[in-house]
């Protein structure tokens, strides 16, 4: 089952900082290698249509809680973010 996602601190439910629910707690996704492929998967999973942009440098604030996903690499065709390659949950550099 895909890990639940939400977008926080954006202007609509389809923009904002990506947060993922894991281990009974919301956390964030590191944006180091974030690009349109990862954004495309998030938009698909949330039913938001095609991704229009992929921002960097914590554009929507750093958030709180653990960094759950790092070194995320999607092809852009995955059905959910948890299907993309990534470092193990909770491990980040």
Protein backbone atom coordinates (compact mmCIF):
# COMPACT_ATOMS: atom_id res chain seq x y z
CA UNK A 1 0.00 0.00 0.00
CA UNK A 2 1.38 3.44 -0.90
CA UNK A 3 2.50 5.68 1.94
CA UNK A 4 -0.02 8.55 2.36
CA UNK A 5 1.11 11.95 1.06
CA UNK A 6 0.03 15.52 1.58
CA UNK A 7 1.19 18.93 0.40
CA UNK A 8 1.66 21.54 3.14
CA UNK A 9 1.88 25.34 3.16
CA UNK A 10 0.98 25.77 -0.51
CA UNK A 11 -1.71 27.96 -2.03
CA UNK A 12 -3.94 24.98 -2.88
CA UNK A 13 -4.19 21.27 -2.10
CA UNK A 14 -2.06 20.64 -5.21
CA UNK A 15 0.94 22.77 -4.24
CA UNK A 16 3.25 22.82 -1.25
CA UNK A 17 5.90 20.93 0.66
CA UNK A 18 5.64 17.16 0.19
CA UNK A 19 5.00 15.31 3.44
CA UNK A 20 4.72 11.55 3.82
CA UNK A 21 3.11 9.46 6.57
CA UNK A 22 5.30 6.64 7.89
CA UNK A 23 5.60 4.97 11.29
CA UNK A 24 2.46 6.71 12.56
CA UNK A 25 3.94 10.18 11.95
CA UNK A 26 4.14 12.81 9.24
CA UNK A 27 7.59 13.74 7.98
CA UNK A 28 9.23 15.38 5.01
CA UNK A 29 11.04 14.45 1.81
CA UNK A 30 14.55 15.79 1.15
CA UNK A 31 14.58 17.90 -2.01
CA UNK A 32 18.28 17.48 -2.92
CA UNK A 33 17.67 15.63 -6.19
CA UNK A 34 14.02 16.65 -6.58
CA UNK A 35 12.90 17.28 -10.13
CA UNK A 36 9.85 17.09 -12.37
CA UNK A 37 9.82 13.26 -12.35
CA UNK A 38 9.27 13.14 -8.57
CA UNK A 39 6.74 15.98 -8.75
CA UNK A 40 4.86 14.12 -11.49
CA UNK A 41 4.49 11.05 -9.25
CA UNK A 42 3.28 13.14 -6.29
CA UNK A 43 0.73 14.94 -8.45
CA UNK A 44 -0.50 11.63 -9.86
CA UNK A 45 -0.81 10.04 -6.41
CA UNK A 46 -2.78 13.04 -5.11
CA UNK A 47 -5.04 13.27 -8.18
CA UNK A 48 -3.70 16.70 -9.14
CA UNK A 49 -3.01 16.09 -12.84
CA UNK A 50 0.35 16.86 -14.45
CA UNK A 51 3.13 18.51 -12.47
CA UNK A 52 3.74 22.10 -13.53
CA UNK A 53 6.99 22.70 -11.65
CA UNK A 54 9.36 21.18 -9.11
CA UNK A 55 10.79 23.67 -6.64
CA UNK A 56 13.97 23.35 -4.57
CA UNK A 57 15.60 24.87 -1.49
CA UNK A 58 12.62 24.29 0.82
CA UNK A 59 10.46 26.74 -1.14
CA UNK A 60 7.48 26.00 1.13
CA UNK A 61 9.49 25.94 4.38
CA UNK A 62 11.48 23.12 5.92
CA UNK A 63 8.61 21.56 7.81
CA UNK A 64 8.95 19.60 11.02
CA UNK A 65 9.25 15.98 11.96
CA UNK A 66 11.68 13.46 10.53
CA UNK A 67 13.04 13.49 7.00
CA UNK A 68 11.51 10.21 5.88
CA UNK A 69 12.75 10.04 2.29
CA UNK A 70 16.10 11.07 0.80
CA UNK A 71 17.97 10.37 -2.43
CA UNK A 72 14.60 9.88 -4.10
CA UNK A 73 14.77 8.91 -7.76
CA UNK A 74 11.58 8.40 -9.76
CA UNK A 75 11.20 7.73 -13.46
CA UNK A 76 7.97 9.74 -13.45
CA UNK A 77 5.76 6.76 -14.31
CA UNK A 78 5.34 5.29 -10.81
CA UNK A 79 1.87 5.20 -9.30
CA UNK A 80 3.06 6.36 -5.89
CA UNK A 81 6.11 7.99 -4.34
CA UNK A 82 6.86 4.89 -2.26
CA UNK A 83 7.48 2.97 -5.52
CA UNK A 84 10.43 5.22 -6.40
CA UNK A 85 14.01 4.33 -5.49
CA UNK A 86 15.19 6.00 -2.27
CA UNK A 87 17.47 5.60 0.72
CA UNK A 88 15.95 3.44 3.49
CA UNK A 89 13.12 5.15 5.43
CA UNK A 90 14.50 7.75 7.83
CA UNK A 91 18.08 7.69 6.52
CA UNK A 92 19.29 10.98 5.07
CA UNK A 93 22.55 12.78 4.40
